[in-house]
């Protein structure tokens, strides 16, 4: 049983954001592909502002090494990330519409997976997976908004991370160069900065603001 009613939660959101802004956020349909450091943080931010329809996609399970930067806890180790993250987001707002797909994104399923989403957030670690998603969305859904990330490893300056508009519907967040290597891995603070860039750009798009 939720601690608060739907009316109570959305009255609080309306107070913070205004009813007009909240209406746009509540209608939002956002897919998050990859639920690791980028995706789990982005999902938390969007759930907290009441983005009404979230589509969570990841094939993997939570590993102990994920806890250095991802929004999971020890009790989630071994659980599918889709299931673990959905349960956490419902603790923030149980009235969100959250759908999950515990699958790997491939060239064969990308068209079906994202057909019902308006904005797609790419949040993969592996460059090959990023390419499959980006190429698939640009081919099948050029009208959809696509927010991606590249370059956030280590502990370099947060000020190097930015959001850049690549094309009318394609946005890229990160410093675009810093890859994870030995001694410069993916760490919570800088990954979260990049995730916040993705979440903020998605928020702007939902509100009709298309410039970074």
Protein backbone atom coordinates (compact mmCIF):
# COMPACT_ATOMS: atom_id res chain seq x y z
CA UNK A 1 0.00 0.00 0.00
CA UNK A 2 1.54 3.36 -1.05
CA UNK A 3 2.22 5.81 1.76
CA UNK A 4 0.70 8.66 -0.25
CA UNK A 5 -2.15 8.90 -2.73
CA UNK A 6 -1.65 9.77 -6.37
CA UNK A 7 -3.32 13.13 -5.79
CA UNK A 8 -0.93 13.92 -2.94
CA UNK A 9 2.15 13.08 -4.99
CA UNK A 10 1.06 15.07 -8.03
CA UNK A 11 -0.07 18.02 -5.93
CA UNK A 12 3.49 18.13 -4.55
CA UNK A 13 4.96 17.91 -8.07
CA UNK A 14 2.62 20.62 -9.32
CA UNK A 15 3.70 22.82 -6.44
CA UNK A 16 7.36 22.40 -7.35
CA UNK A 17 7.08 22.50 -11.14
CA UNK A 18 3.73 24.25 -11.84
CA UNK A 19 0.70 22.34 -13.20
CA UNK A 20 1.50 23.35 -16.79
CA UNK A 21 5.05 22.02 -16.66
CA UNK A 22 4.07 18.90 -14.77
CA UNK A 23 1.41 18.04 -17.34
CA UNK A 24 4.09 17.89 -20.04
CA UNK A 25 6.36 15.75 -17.87
CA UNK A 26 3.55 13.38 -16.91
CA UNK A 27 2.71 12.79 -20.57
CA UNK A 28 6.34 12.06 -21.45
CA UNK A 29 7.26 8.70 -22.98
CA UNK A 30 10.97 7.99 -22.54
CA UNK A 31 12.95 4.82 -23.20
CA UNK A 32 16.20 4.24 -21.33
CA UNK A 33 18.39 1.65 -23.03
CA UNK A 34 21.08 0.44 -20.64
CA UNK A 35 20.47 0.59 -16.90
CA UNK A 36 24.00 0.92 -15.58
CA UNK A 37 25.68 4.06 -14.26
CA UNK A 38 24.13 6.32 -16.87
CA UNK A 39 20.74 4.70 -17.24
CA UNK A 40 19.96 4.00 -13.59
CA UNK A 41 20.85 7.57 -12.60
CA UNK A 42 18.93 9.06 -15.51
CA UNK A 43 15.90 6.97 -14.60
CA UNK A 44 16.05 8.20 -10.99
CA UNK A 45 16.12 11.84 -12.10
CA UNK A 46 13.20 11.39 -14.50
CA UNK A 47 11.14 9.46 -11.96
CA UNK A 48 11.68 12.16 -9.36
CA UNK A 49 10.29 14.87 -11.64
CA UNK A 50 7.31 12.70 -12.54
CA UNK A 51 8.01 11.72 -16.15
CA UNK A 52 4.95 9.56 -16.53
CA UNK A 53 5.93 6.76 -18.93
CA UNK A 54 9.33 5.11 -18.60
CA UNK A 55 10.52 2.17 -20.71
CA UNK A 56 13.48 0.37 -19.11
CA UNK A 57 15.64 -1.87 -21.31
CA UNK A 58 18.61 -4.01 -20.27
CA UNK A 59 19.49 -7.71 -20.52
CA UNK A 60 21.98 -7.81 -17.65
CA UNK A 61 21.88 -8.56 -13.92
CA UNK A 62 23.27 -6.43 -11.10
CA UNK A 63 26.86 -7.30 -10.24
CA UNK A 64 28.83 -6.36 -7.12
CA UNK A 65 31.17 -4.25 -9.27
CA UNK A 66 28.18 -2.15 -10.38
CA UNK A 67 27.65 -0.70 -6.92
CA UNK A 68 30.49 1.82 -7.35
CA UNK A 69 28.33 4.01 -9.62
CA UNK A 70 24.90 2.49 -10.26
CA UNK A 71 21.66 3.07 -8.36
CA UNK A 72 21.44 -0.41 -6.84
CA UNK A 73 22.09 -1.93 -3.43
CA UNK A 74 23.66 -5.15 -2.20
CA UNK A 75 20.31 -6.93 -2.03
CA UNK A 76 19.90 -6.39 -5.79
CA UNK A 77 23.05 -8.31 -6.78
CA UNK A 78 21.98 -11.15 -9.06
CA UNK A 79 18.63 -9.52 -9.96
CA UNK A 80 17.85 -8.36 -13.46
CA UNK A 81 18.51 -4.64 -13.65
CA UNK A 82 15.09 -4.05 -15.18
CA UNK A 83 13.36 -5.61 -12.17
CA UNK A 84 15.62 -4.02 -9.56
CA UNK A 85 15.36 -0.53 -11.03
CA UNK A 86 11.62 -0.72 -11.53
CA UNK A 87 11.17 -1.64 -7.87
CA UNK A 88 13.30 1.33 -6.78
CA UNK A 89 11.49 3.81 -9.03
CA UNK A 90 8.14 2.70 -7.66
CA UNK A 91 9.45 3.61 -4.19
CA UNK A 92 9.78 7.18 -5.50
CA UNK A 93 6.43 7.26 -7.31
CA UNK A 94 4.25 4.14 -7.43
CA UNK A 95 1.92 5.76 -9.95
CA UNK A 96 4.40 5.94 -12.81
CA UNK A 97 3.76 3.83 -15.90
CA UNK A 98 6.92 1.73 -16.11
CA UNK A 99 7.41 -1.01 -18.69
CA UNK A 100 10.47 -3.24 -18.89
CA UNK A 101 12.17 -5.33 -21.55
CA UNK A 102 14.88 -7.66 -20.31
CA UNK A 103 16.55 -8.10 -23.68
CA UNK A 104 19.68 -7.11 -25.54
CA UNK A 105 19.09 -4.40 -28.15
CA UNK A 106 19.89 -5.78 -31.59
CA UNK A 107 19.54 -4.72 -35.20
CA UNK A 108 16.63 -7.15 -35.45
CA UNK A 109 14.55 -5.89 -32.50
CA UNK A 110 15.33 -2.17 -32.37
CA UNK A 111 12.36 -1.17 -34.52
CA UNK A 112 9.84 -3.10 -32.42
CA UNK A 113 11.38 -2.16 -29.06
CA UNK A 114 11.23 1.61 -29.50
CA UNK A 115 8.08 2.02 -31.58
CA UNK A 116 6.05 3.41 -28.67
CA UNK A 117 8.62 5.83 -27.26
CA UNK A 118 9.01 9.53 -28.08
CA UNK A 119 12.50 10.06 -26.64
CA UNK A 120 15.24 7.42 -26.49
CA UNK A 121 18.10 7.67 -24.02
CA UNK A 122 21.19 5.68 -25.00
CA UNK A 123 23.05 4.64 -21.85
CA UNK A 124 25.30 1.75 -22.87
CA UNK A 125 28.93 1.17 -21.86
CA UNK A 126 29.96 -0.79 -24.95
CA UNK A 127 30.63 1.20 -28.17
CA UNK A 128 29.24 -1.56 -30.37
CA UNK A 129 25.94 -1.52 -28.48
CA UNK A 130 25.80 2.27 -28.78
CA UNK A 131 26.27 2.01 -32.54
CA UNK A 132 23.50 -0.57 -32.95
CA UNK A 133 21.03 1.63 -31.08
CA UNK A 134 21.99 4.94 -32.67
CA UNK A 135 22.05 3.56 -36.21
CA UNK A 136 18.76 1.75 -35.66
CA UNK A 137 16.94 4.81 -34.32
CA UNK A 138 18.30 7.09 -37.04
CA UNK A 139 17.24 4.58 -39.69
CA UNK A 140 13.79 3.60 -38.41
CA UNK A 141 12.73 6.62 -36.34
CA UNK A 142 14.47 9.78 -37.60
CA UNK A 143 11.62 11.84 -36.13
CA UNK A 144 12.22 10.61 -32.56
CA UNK A 145 14.52 12.44 -30.16
CA UNK A 146 17.73 10.58 -29.34
CA UNK A 147 19.95 11.51 -26.36
CA UNK A 148 23.29 9.69 -26.14
CA UNK A 149 26.48 9.83 -24.10
CA UNK A 150 30.20 9.45 -24.74
CA UNK A 151 33.18 10.25 -22.53
CA UNK A 152 32.76 10.36 -18.74
CA UNK A 153 35.44 8.08 -17.24
CA UNK A 154 37.79 8.94 -14.41
CA UNK A 155 37.83 12.10 -12.33
CA UNK A 156 38.63 14.85 -14.83
CA UNK A 157 36.88 18.18 -14.53
CA UNK A 158 33.09 18.10 -14.55
CA UNK A 159 33.22 21.25 -16.66
CA UNK A 160 34.47 19.24 -19.64
CA UNK A 161 31.16 17.38 -19.85
CA UNK A 162 28.67 19.14 -22.07
CA UNK A 163 25.54 18.56 -24.16
CA UNK A 164 25.89 19.07 -27.90
CA UNK A 165 23.25 18.96 -30.62
CA UNK A 166 24.59 16.74 -33.40
CA UNK A 167 21.55 17.02 -35.69
CA UNK A 168 17.94 18.23 -35.28
CA UNK A 169 16.88 15.20 -33.21
CA UNK A 170 20.22 13.82 -32.00
CA UNK A 171 22.01 15.02 -28.83
CA UNK A 172 25.32 13.88 -27.34
CA UNK A 173 26.36 14.32 -23.69
CA UNK A 174 29.86 13.86 -22.24
CA UNK A 175 33.38 15.05 -22.98
CA UNK A 176 33.35 12.78 -26.08
CA UNK A 177 36.93 11.55 -25.56
CA UNK A 178 37.53 10.05 -22.09
CA UNK A 179 37.20 6.27 -22.27
CA UNK A 180 37.46 3.86 -19.36
CA UNK A 181 40.93 2.30 -19.10
CA UNK A 182 42.99 0.75 -16.30
CA UNK A 183 43.44 3.37 -13.58
CA UNK A 184 40.75 5.60 -15.09
CA UNK A 185 37.56 3.68 -14.74
CA UNK A 186 33.93 4.69 -14.54
CA UNK A 187 33.32 6.36 -11.18
CA UNK A 188 30.11 7.54 -9.56
CA UNK A 189 30.59 11.35 -9.53
CA UNK A 190 31.52 11.94 -13.17
CA UNK A 191 29.13 9.30 -14.52
CA UNK A 192 26.33 10.95 -12.54
CA UNK A 193 27.26 14.36 -14.01
CA UNK A 194 26.87 12.93 -17.50
CA UNK A 195 23.63 11.17 -16.55
CA UNK A 196 22.30 14.48 -15.26
CA UNK A 197 23.12 16.04 -18.63
CA UNK A 198 21.12 13.31 -20.36
CA UNK A 199 18.20 13.68 -17.95
CA UNK A 200 18.20 17.47 -18.25
CA UNK A 201 18.24 17.35 -22.05
CA UNK A 202 15.36 14.87 -21.99
CA UNK A 203 13.49 17.20 -19.63
CA UNK A 204 14.07 20.15 -21.96
CA UNK A 205 12.79 18.14 -24.91
CA UNK A 206 9.65 17.16 -23.02
CA UNK A 207 9.08 20.85 -22.31
CA UNK A 208 9.59 21.78 -25.97
CA UNK A 209 13.03 23.30 -25.54
CA UNK A 210 15.28 21.81 -28.19
CA UNK A 211 18.53 23.75 -27.78
CA UNK A 212 21.11 22.28 -25.32
